[in-house]
Amino acid sequence: MAKVFAIANQKGGVGKTTTCVNLAASLVATKRRVLLIDLDPQGNATMGSGIDKHALEHSIYDVLIGECDLVQAMQFSEHGGYQLLPANRDLTAAEVSLLEMKMKESRLRYALAPIRENYDYILIDCPPALSMLTINALVAADAVIIPMQCEYYALEGLSDLVNSIQRIGQLLNPSLKIEGLLRTMYDPRISLTNDVSAQLKEHFPDQLYQTVIPRNVRLAEAPSFGMPALVYDKQSRGAIAYLALAGELVRRQRANAHTATA
């Protein structure tokens, strides 16, 4: 049964999509079966996976409103090696359409149910807002991975995000938890970066990933070629960092499973 992770942060530009695409490809490199769901109307994870968002016959929008099933909308990312549920601007209309539907917060969860056993990991790229789309992701997820920059405003917004996750957990998904906090665009030469990083270690000692994602030109360039950094330049610091994150994620899941059965 797949572990479902929502990659979420209410703040934009923190590396959610970069993390989704590169973590998905890195998990594939460790021989895991991966499904990436693009739940952002910008469709950046779709384009970054080498799929043209303008030429989609079906998308995640059609799945959410019941126009097609999940398998019909799937595409395969040749560069990434994972299955993709793509998105484009049509998804903007889902916000309005979902409001009129029964079980509107659980549409994605029910859509995923028949295929969860086909994968080891399902990653959901959330939009940068606590919208109905993000709520669907959080209701469908087992846990949340929060990418964030080590800067003042990111730290301030983190408490709001944690509160939102806890409220959705209480109301709609009791098993939801924070899987991990990921420091992105990390530059240890900046004193504020080190200060914020130290605060994260103090307040989230069990959830903070040891792996940090550095500022890296190759990571920034790869999406324009429709491929993860691991394919674009596997020797780059960004590609190596996401491989390390995949390894840390798998080890943590294995340890959690061992603890649960002990």
C-alpha atoms as a PDB file:
ATOM      1  CA  MET A   1       0.000   0.000   0.000  1.00  0.00           C
ATOM      2  CA  ALA A   2       1.463   3.347  -1.069  1.00  0.00           C
ATOM      3  CA  LYS A   3       2.426   6.003   1.421  1.00  0.00           C
ATOM      4  CA  VAL A   4       0.769   9.247   0.292  1.00  0.00           C
ATOM      5  CA  PHE A   5       2.623  12.484   0.952  1.00  0.00           C
ATOM      6  CA  ALA A   6       1.243  15.972   0.345  1.00  0.00           C
ATOM      7  CA  ILE A   7       4.065  18.409  -0.420  1.00  0.00           C
ATOM      8  CA  ALA A   8       2.571  21.600   0.975  1.00  0.00           C
ATOM      9  CA  ASN A   9       3.321  25.130   2.065  1.00  0.00           C
ATOM     10  CA  GLN A  10       1.008  28.139   1.934  1.00  0.00           C
ATOM     11  CA  LYS A  11       3.971  30.262   0.845  1.00  0.00           C
ATOM     12  CA  GLY A  12       4.920  30.187  -2.837  1.00  0.00           C
ATOM     13  CA  GLY A  13       8.411  29.850  -4.242  1.00  0.00           C
ATOM     14  CA  VAL A  14       9.758  27.549  -1.534  1.00  0.00           C
ATOM     15  CA  GLY A  15      10.542  24.561  -3.754  1.00  0.00           C
ATOM     16  CA  LYS A  16       7.361  22.454  -3.566  1.00  0.00           C
ATOM     17  CA  THR A  17       7.318  21.517  -7.244  1.00  0.00           C
ATOM     18  CA  THR A  18      11.091  21.117  -7.422  1.00  0.00           C
ATOM     19  CA  THR A  19      10.858  18.769  -4.453  1.00  0.00           C
ATOM     20  CA  CYS A  20       7.979  16.761  -5.946  1.00  0.00           C
ATOM     21  CA  VAL A  21       9.640  16.183  -9.318  1.00  0.00           C
ATOM     22  CA  ASN A  22      13.121  15.483  -7.984  1.00  0.00           C
ATOM     23  CA  LEU A  23      12.030  13.378  -5.027  1.00  0.00           C
ATOM     24  CA  ALA A  24       9.798  11.319  -7.335  1.00  0.00           C
ATOM     25  CA  ALA A  25      12.677  10.676  -9.742  1.00  0.00           C
ATOM     26  CA  SER A  26      15.050   9.889  -6.869  1.00  0.00           C
ATOM     27  CA  LEU A  27      12.618   7.376  -5.372  1.00  0.00           C
ATOM     28  CA  VAL A  28      12.337   5.739  -8.799  1.00  0.00           C
ATOM     29  CA  ALA A  29      16.153   5.509  -8.822  1.00  0.00           C
ATOM     30  CA  THR A  30      15.886   3.469  -5.606  1.00  0.00           C
ATOM     31  CA  LYS A  31      13.540   1.040  -7.436  1.00  0.00           C
ATOM     32  CA  ARG A  32      10.325   2.381  -5.893  1.00  0.00           C
ATOM     33  CA  ARG A  33       7.048   2.664  -7.828  1.00  0.00           C
ATOM     34  CA  VAL A  34       5.956   6.301  -7.772  1.00  0.00           C
ATOM     35  CA  LEU A  35       2.905   8.325  -8.760  1.00  0.00           C
ATOM     36  CA  LEU A  36       3.212  12.116  -8.831  1.00  0.00           C
ATOM     37  CA  ILE A  37      -0.002  14.149  -8.712  1.00  0.00           C
ATOM     38  CA  ASP A  38       0.097  17.735  -9.960  1.00  0.00           C
ATOM     39  CA  LEU A  39      -2.622  19.535  -7.996  1.00  0.00           C
ATOM     40  CA  ASP A  40      -1.492  23.058  -8.884  1.00  0.00           C
ATOM     41  CA  PRO A  41      -3.346  24.854 -11.734  1.00  0.00           C
ATOM     42  CA  GLN A  42      -0.013  26.310 -12.889  1.00  0.00           C
ATOM     43  CA  GLY A  43       0.905  22.802 -14.057  1.00  0.00           C
ATOM     44  CA  ASN A  44       4.600  23.269 -13.302  1.00  0.00           C
ATOM     45  CA  ALA A  45       5.123  19.699 -12.088  1.00  0.00           C
ATOM     46  CA  THR A  46       3.521  18.509 -15.334  1.00  0.00           C
ATOM     47  CA  MET A  47       5.853  20.565 -17.515  1.00  0.00           C
ATOM     48  CA  GLY A  48       8.833  19.718 -15.309  1.00  0.00           C
ATOM     49  CA  SER A  49       8.057  16.047 -15.909  1.00  0.00           C
ATOM     50  CA  GLY A  50       8.275  16.500 -19.674  1.00  0.00           C
ATOM     51  CA  ILE A  51       4.503  16.502 -20.310  1.00  0.00           C
ATOM     52  CA  ASP A  52       2.924  19.330 -22.313  1.00  0.00           C
ATOM     53  CA  LYS A  53       0.142  20.740 -20.133  1.00  0.00           C
ATOM     54  CA  HIS A  54      -1.445  22.420 -23.174  1.00  0.00           C
ATOM     55  CA  ALA A  55      -1.978  19.116 -24.984  1.00  0.00           C
ATOM     56  CA  LEU A  56      -3.738  17.088 -22.295  1.00  0.00           C
ATOM     57  CA  GLU A  57      -6.772  15.034 -23.227  1.00  0.00           C
ATOM     58  CA  HIS A  58      -7.537  14.375 -19.559  1.00  0.00           C
ATOM     59  CA  SER A  59      -6.153  15.878 -16.370  1.00  0.00           C
ATOM     60  CA  ILE A  60      -6.576  15.695 -12.602  1.00  0.00           C
ATOM     61  CA  TYR A  61      -9.456  18.162 -13.044  1.00  0.00           C
ATOM     62  CA  ASP A  62     -11.480  15.515 -14.931  1.00  0.00           C
ATOM     63  CA  VAL A  63     -10.732  12.986 -12.187  1.00  0.00           C
ATOM     64  CA  LEU A  64     -11.884  15.298  -9.397  1.00  0.00           C
ATOM     65  CA  ILE A  65     -15.198  16.173 -11.067  1.00  0.00           C
ATOM     66  CA  GLY A  66     -15.842  12.565 -12.088  1.00  0.00           C
ATOM     67  CA  GLU A  67     -15.462  12.968 -15.862  1.00  0.00           C
ATOM     68  CA  CYS A  68     -12.889  10.160 -16.068  1.00  0.00           C
ATOM     69  CA  ASP A  69     -11.128   7.751 -13.774  1.00  0.00           C
ATOM     70  CA  LEU A  70      -7.600   8.185 -12.546  1.00  0.00           C
ATOM     71  CA  VAL A  71      -5.977   5.645 -14.878  1.00  0.00           C
ATOM     72  CA  GLN A  72      -7.437   7.379 -17.971  1.00  0.00           C
ATOM     73  CA  ALA A  73      -5.794  10.665 -16.973  1.00  0.00           C
ATOM     74  CA  MET A  74      -2.349   9.219 -16.167  1.00  0.00           C
ATOM     75  CA  GLN A  75       0.754   9.977 -18.197  1.00  0.00           C
ATOM     76  CA  PHE A  76       4.234   8.463 -17.941  1.00  0.00           C
ATOM     77  CA  SER A  77       7.236  10.716 -17.392  1.00  0.00           C
ATOM     78  CA  GLU A  78       9.950   9.136 -19.524  1.00  0.00           C
ATOM     79  CA  HIS A  79      12.723  11.218 -17.971  1.00  0.00           C
ATOM     80  CA  GLY A  80      11.485  10.780 -14.405  1.00  0.00           C
ATOM     81  CA  GLY A  81      10.383   7.149 -14.677  1.00  0.00           C
ATOM     82  CA  TYR A  82       7.199   7.751 -12.676  1.00  0.00           C
ATOM     83  CA  GLN A  83       3.497   7.949 -13.441  1.00  0.00           C
ATOM     84  CA  LEU A  84       1.996  11.438 -13.463  1.00  0.00           C
ATOM     85  CA  LEU A  85      -1.494  12.797 -12.962  1.00  0.00           C
ATOM     86  CA  PRO A  86      -1.099  16.062 -14.905  1.00  0.00           C
ATOM     87  CA  ALA A  87      -2.692  19.459 -14.400  1.00  0.00           C
ATOM     88  CA  ASN A  88      -3.293  22.663 -16.323  1.00  0.00           C
ATOM     89  CA  ARG A  89      -5.394  25.810 -15.956  1.00  0.00           C
ATOM     90  CA  ASP A  90      -8.610  23.769 -16.128  1.00  0.00           C
ATOM     91  CA  LEU A  91      -7.915  22.911 -12.497  1.00  0.00           C
ATOM     92  CA  THR A  92      -8.783  26.486 -11.490  1.00  0.00           C
ATOM     93  CA  ALA A  93     -12.427  25.661 -12.250  1.00  0.00           C
ATOM     94  CA  ALA A  94     -12.291  22.736  -9.831  1.00  0.00           C
ATOM     95  CA  GLU A  95     -12.363  25.145  -6.894  1.00  0.00           C
ATOM     96  CA  VAL A  96     -15.878  26.233  -7.849  1.00  0.00           C
ATOM     97  CA  SER A  97     -17.065  22.841  -9.096  1.00  0.00           C
ATOM     98  CA  LEU A  98     -15.994  21.028  -5.919  1.00  0.00           C
ATOM     99  CA  LEU A  99     -18.018  23.351  -3.707  1.00  0.00           C
ATOM    100  CA  GLU A 100     -21.231  21.993  -5.207  1.00  0.00           C
ATOM    101  CA  MET A 101     -20.275  18.311  -4.894  1.00  0.00           C
ATOM    102  CA  LYS A 102     -20.921  15.772  -2.179  1.00  0.00           C
ATOM    103  CA  MET A 103     -17.865  14.738  -0.131  1.00  0.00           C
ATOM    104  CA  LYS A 104     -16.009  17.628  -1.762  1.00  0.00           C
ATOM    105  CA  GLU A 105     -13.012  17.358   0.575  1.00  0.00           C
ATOM    106  CA  SER A 106     -12.536  13.645  -0.164  1.00  0.00           C
ATOM    107  CA  ARG A 107     -12.718  13.477  -3.974  1.00  0.00           C
ATOM    108  CA  LEU A 108      -9.003  12.786  -4.398  1.00  0.00           C
ATOM    109  CA  ARG A 109      -8.908  10.277  -1.557  1.00  0.00           C
ATOM    110  CA  TYR A 110     -11.647   8.149  -3.132  1.00  0.00           C
ATOM    111  CA  ALA A 111     -10.078   8.449  -6.590  1.00  0.00           C
ATOM    112  CA  LEU A 112      -6.770   7.112  -5.248  1.00  0.00           C
ATOM    113  CA  ALA A 113      -8.251   4.209  -3.288  1.00  0.00           C
ATOM    114  CA  PRO A 114      -8.383   1.662  -6.169  1.00  0.00           C
ATOM    115  CA  ILE A 115      -4.749   2.179  -7.248  1.00  0.00           C
ATOM    116  CA  ARG A 116      -2.867   2.723  -3.978  1.00  0.00           C
ATOM    117  CA  GLU A 117      -1.603  -0.856  -3.920  1.00  0.00           C
ATOM    118  CA  ASN A 118       0.095  -0.319  -7.295  1.00  0.00           C
ATOM    119  CA  TYR A 119       2.640   2.130  -5.866  1.00  0.00           C
ATOM    120  CA  ASP A 120       5.164   2.504  -3.077  1.00  0.00           C
ATOM    121  CA  TYR A 121       4.880   6.286  -2.890  1.00  0.00           C
ATOM    122  CA  ILE A 122       2.343   8.861  -4.070  1.00  0.00           C
ATOM    123  CA  LEU A 123       3.463  12.502  -3.975  1.00  0.00           C
ATOM    124  CA  ILE A 124       0.983  15.383  -4.293  1.00  0.00           C
ATOM    125  CA  ASP A 125       2.206  18.814  -5.415  1.00  0.00           C
ATOM    126  CA  CYS A 126      -0.111  21.302  -3.675  1.00  0.00           C
ATOM    127  CA  PRO A 127      -0.904  24.869  -4.754  1.00  0.00           C
ATOM    128  CA  PRO A 128       0.498  27.687  -2.567  1.00  0.00           C
ATOM    129  CA  ALA A 129      -2.731  28.318  -0.660  1.00  0.00           C
ATOM    130  CA  LEU A 130      -5.042  26.504   1.727  1.00  0.00           C
ATOM    131  CA  SER A 131      -7.639  26.009  -0.993  1.00  0.00           C
ATOM    132  CA  MET A 132     -10.139  23.226  -1.608  1.00  0.00           C
ATOM    133  CA  LEU A 133      -7.467  21.569  -3.755  1.00  0.00           C
ATOM    134  CA  THR A 134      -4.979  21.596  -0.890  1.00  0.00           C
ATOM    135  CA  ILE A 135      -7.653  20.310   1.497  1.00  0.00           C
ATOM    136  CA  ASN A 136      -8.268  17.406  -0.914  1.00  0.00           C
ATOM    137  CA  ALA A 137      -4.553  16.649  -0.855  1.00  0.00           C
ATOM    138  CA  LEU A 138      -4.397  16.741   2.947  1.00  0.00           C
ATOM    139  CA  VAL A 139      -7.460  14.501   3.301  1.00  0.00           C
ATOM    140  CA  ALA A 140      -5.956  12.005   0.827  1.00  0.00           C
ATOM    141  CA  ALA A 141      -2.497  12.049   2.427  1.00  0.00           C
ATOM    142  CA  ASP A 142      -0.968   9.965   5.190  1.00  0.00           C
ATOM    143  CA  ALA A 143       1.445  12.763   5.996  1.00  0.00           C
ATOM    144  CA  VAL A 144       2.751  16.169   4.911  1.00  0.00           C
ATOM    145  CA  ILE A 145       6.236  17.157   3.774  1.00  0.00           C
ATOM    146  CA  ILE A 146       6.838  20.894   4.204  1.00  0.00           C
ATOM    147  CA  PRO A 147       9.569  22.452   2.037  1.00  0.00           C
ATOM    148  CA  MET A 148      10.684  25.822   3.410  1.00  0.00           C
ATOM    149  CA  GLN A 149      13.413  28.384   3.110  1.00  0.00           C
ATOM    150  CA  CYS A 150      15.364  29.317   6.215  1.00  0.00           C
ATOM    151  CA  GLU A 151      14.195  32.918   6.419  1.00  0.00           C
ATOM    152  CA  TYR A 152      12.144  34.962   8.863  1.00  0.00           C
ATOM    153  CA  TYR A 153       8.828  35.082   7.007  1.00  0.00           C
ATOM    154  CA  ALA A 154       8.945  31.343   6.279  1.00  0.00           C
ATOM    155  CA  LEU A 155       9.336  30.614   9.972  1.00  0.00           C
ATOM    156  CA  GLU A 156       6.457  32.955  10.804  1.00  0.00           C
ATOM    157  CA  GLY A 157       4.168  31.222   8.290  1.00  0.00           C
ATOM    158  CA  LEU A 158       5.139  27.751   9.484  1.00  0.00           C
ATOM    159  CA  SER A 159       3.082  28.000  12.679  1.00  0.00           C
ATOM    160  CA  ASP A 160      -0.021  28.927  10.633  1.00  0.00           C
ATOM    161  CA  LEU A 161       0.555  25.966   8.336  1.00  0.00           C
ATOM    162  CA  VAL A 162       1.047  23.553  11.242  1.00  0.00           C
ATOM    163  CA  ASN A 163      -2.183  24.818  12.834  1.00  0.00           C
ATOM    164  CA  SER A 164      -4.053  24.332   9.543  1.00  0.00           C
ATOM    165  CA  ILE A 165      -2.731  20.780   9.196  1.00  0.00           C
ATOM    166  CA  GLN A 166      -3.763  19.987  12.759  1.00  0.00           C
ATOM    167  CA  ARG A 167      -7.281  21.373  12.215  1.00  0.00           C
ATOM    168  CA  ILE A 168      -7.776  19.377   9.011  1.00  0.00           C
ATOM    169  CA  GLY A 169      -6.467  16.342  10.859  1.00  0.00           C
ATOM    170  CA  GLN A 170      -9.006  16.804  13.630  1.00  0.00           C
ATOM    171  CA  LEU A 171     -11.937  17.423  11.308  1.00  0.00           C
ATOM    172  CA  LEU A 172     -11.316  15.314   8.214  1.00  0.00           C
ATOM    173  CA  ASN A 173      -8.271  13.034   8.455  1.00  0.00           C
ATOM    174  CA  PRO A 174      -7.377  11.854  11.971  1.00  0.00           C
ATOM    175  CA  SER A 175      -4.292   9.931  10.807  1.00  0.00           C
ATOM    176  CA  LEU A 176      -2.681  12.969   9.138  1.00  0.00           C
ATOM    177  CA  LYS A 177       0.720  13.971  10.514  1.00  0.00           C
ATOM    178  CA  ILE A 178       3.728  16.053   9.564  1.00  0.00           C
ATOM    179  CA  GLU A 179       6.243  13.669   8.013  1.00  0.00           C
ATOM    180  CA  GLY A 180       9.086  16.119   7.713  1.00  0.00           C
ATOM    181  CA  LEU A 181      10.357  19.646   7.249  1.00  0.00           C
ATOM    182  CA  LEU A 182      12.748  20.141   4.353  1.00  0.00           C
ATOM    183  CA  ARG A 183      15.160  23.066   4.221  1.00  0.00           C
ATOM    184  CA  THR A 184      15.369  24.266   0.608  1.00  0.00           C
ATOM    185  CA  MET A 185      17.527  26.839  -1.226  1.00  0.00           C
ATOM    186  CA  TYR A 186      19.918  26.403   1.675  1.00  0.00           C
ATOM    187  CA  ASP A 187      22.970  28.659   1.877  1.00  0.00           C
ATOM    188  CA  PRO A 188      25.010  28.158   5.086  1.00  0.00           C
ATOM    189  CA  ARG A 189      27.013  31.337   4.391  1.00  0.00           C
ATOM    190  CA  ILE A 190      23.985  33.430   5.407  1.00  0.00           C
ATOM    191  CA  SER A 191      23.714  33.937   9.169  1.00  0.00           C
ATOM    192  CA  LEU A 192      19.888  34.098   9.119  1.00  0.00           C
ATOM    193  CA  THR A 193      19.818  30.698   7.408  1.00  0.00           C
ATOM    194  CA  ASN A 194      21.796  29.203  10.276  1.00  0.00           C
ATOM    195  CA  ASP A 195      19.676  30.971  12.908  1.00  0.00           C
ATOM    196  CA  VAL A 196      16.381  29.739  11.430  1.00  0.00           C
ATOM    197  CA  SER A 197      17.830  26.270  10.907  1.00  0.00           C
ATOM    198  CA  ALA A 198      18.807  26.142  14.596  1.00  0.00           C
ATOM    199  CA  GLN A 199      15.266  27.122  15.619  1.00  0.00           C
ATOM    200  CA  LEU A 200      13.803  24.382  13.425  1.00  0.00           C
ATOM    201  CA  LYS A 201      16.109  21.821  15.047  1.00  0.00           C
ATOM    202  CA  GLU A 202      14.962  23.019  18.466  1.00  0.00           C
ATOM    203  CA  HIS A 203      11.214  23.013  17.788  1.00  0.00           C
ATOM    204  CA  PHE A 204      10.947  20.102  15.303  1.00  0.00           C
ATOM    205  CA  PRO A 205      13.788  17.739  16.262  1.00  0.00           C
ATOM    206  CA  ASP A 206      12.024  14.585  15.080  1.00  0.00           C
ATOM    207  CA  GLN A 207      10.505  15.962  11.884  1.00  0.00           C
ATOM    208  CA  LEU A 208      13.398  17.999  10.453  1.00  0.00           C
ATOM    209  CA  TYR A 209      15.200  16.149   7.663  1.00  0.00           C
ATOM    210  CA  GLN A 210      18.962  15.988   8.019  1.00  0.00           C
ATOM    211  CA  THR A 211      19.207  16.448   4.256  1.00  0.00           C
ATOM    212  CA  VAL A 212      19.216  20.058   3.074  1.00  0.00           C
ATOM    213  CA  ILE A 213      18.624  21.156  -0.522  1.00  0.00           C
ATOM    214  CA  PRO A 214      21.223  23.736  -1.597  1.00  0.00           C
ATOM    215  CA  ARG A 215      20.773  26.651  -3.932  1.00  0.00           C
ATOM    216  CA  ASN A 216      21.777  25.090  -7.229  1.00  0.00           C
ATOM    217  CA  VAL A 217      21.745  26.371 -10.792  1.00  0.00           C
ATOM    218  CA  ARG A 218      21.149  22.902 -12.255  1.00  0.00           C
ATOM    219  CA  LEU A 219      18.013  22.450 -10.128  1.00  0.00           C
ATOM    220  CA  ALA A 220      16.702  25.748 -11.494  1.00  0.00           C
ATOM    221  CA  GLU A 221      17.565  24.902 -15.107  1.00  0.00           C
ATOM    222  CA  ALA A 222      16.235  21.327 -15.256  1.00  0.00           C
ATOM    223  CA  PRO A 223      12.463  22.145 -15.412  1.00  0.00           C
ATOM    224  CA  SER A 224      12.885  24.150 -18.611  1.00  0.00           C
ATOM    225  CA  PHE A 225      14.130  20.934 -20.240  1.00  0.00           C
ATOM    226  CA  GLY A 226      11.210  18.928 -18.823  1.00  0.00           C
ATOM    227  CA  MET A 227      13.355  16.676 -16.690  1.00  0.00           C
ATOM    228  CA  PRO A 228      14.464  16.193 -13.081  1.00  0.00           C
ATOM    229  CA  ALA A 229      17.968  17.252 -12.076  1.00  0.00           C
ATOM    230  CA  LEU A 230      18.934  13.595 -11.719  1.00  0.00           C
ATOM    231  CA  VAL A 231      18.585  13.235 -15.496  1.00  0.00           C
ATOM    232  CA  TYR A 232      19.662  16.756 -16.476  1.00  0.00           C
ATOM    233  CA  ASP A 233      22.895  16.601 -14.443  1.00  0.00           C
ATOM    234  CA  LYS A 234      23.186  13.665 -12.051  1.00  0.00           C
ATOM    235  CA  GLN A 235      26.475  14.991 -10.669  1.00  0.00           C
ATOM    236  CA  SER A 236      24.956  18.312  -9.600  1.00  0.00           C
ATOM    237  CA  ARG A 237      24.684  19.175  -5.929  1.00  0.00           C
ATOM    238  CA  GLY A 238      20.908  19.452  -6.271  1.00  0.00           C
ATOM    239  CA  ALA A 239      20.513  15.985  -7.783  1.00  0.00           C
ATOM    240  CA  ILE A 240      22.757  14.435  -5.124  1.00  0.00           C
ATOM    241  CA  ALA A 241      20.788  16.205  -2.358  1.00  0.00           C
ATOM    242  CA  TYR A 242      17.440  14.830  -3.572  1.00  0.00           C
ATOM    243  CA  LEU A 243      18.902  11.323  -3.827  1.00  0.00           C
ATOM    244  CA  ALA A 244      19.998  11.719  -0.206  1.00  0.00           C
ATOM    245  CA  LEU A 245      16.492  12.894   0.732  1.00  0.00           C
ATOM    246  CA  ALA A 246      14.938   9.857  -0.947  1.00  0.00           C
ATOM    247  CA  GLY A 247      17.263   7.605   1.024  1.00  0.00           C
ATOM    248  CA  GLU A 248      16.421   9.381   4.269  1.00  0.00           C
ATOM    249  CA  LEU A 249      12.685   9.152   3.536  1.00  0.00           C
ATOM    250  CA  VAL A 250      12.864   5.415   2.811  1.00  0.00           C
ATOM    251  CA  ARG A 251      14.937   4.734   5.933  1.00  0.00           C
ATOM    252  CA  ARG A 252      12.507   6.723   8.069  1.00  0.00           C
ATOM    253  CA  GLN A 253       9.535   4.803   6.659  1.00  0.00           C
ATOM    254  CA  ARG A 254      11.303   1.510   7.320  1.00  0.00           C
ATOM    255  CA  ALA A 255      12.062   2.541  10.907  1.00  0.00           C
ATOM    256  CA  ASN A 256       8.463   3.639  11.471  1.00  0.00           C
ATOM    257  CA  ALA A 257       7.152   0.339  10.123  1.00  0.00           C
ATOM    258  CA  HIS A 258       9.533  -1.600  12.378  1.00  0.00           C
ATOM    259  CA  THR A 259       8.430   0.433  15.404  1.00  0.00           C
ATOM    260  CA  ALA A 260       4.751  -0.141  14.572  1.00  0.00           C
ATOM    261  CA  THR A 261       5.193  -3.920  14.403  1.00  0.00           C
ATOM    262  CA  ALA A 262       7.510  -4.190  17.419  1.00  0.00           C
END
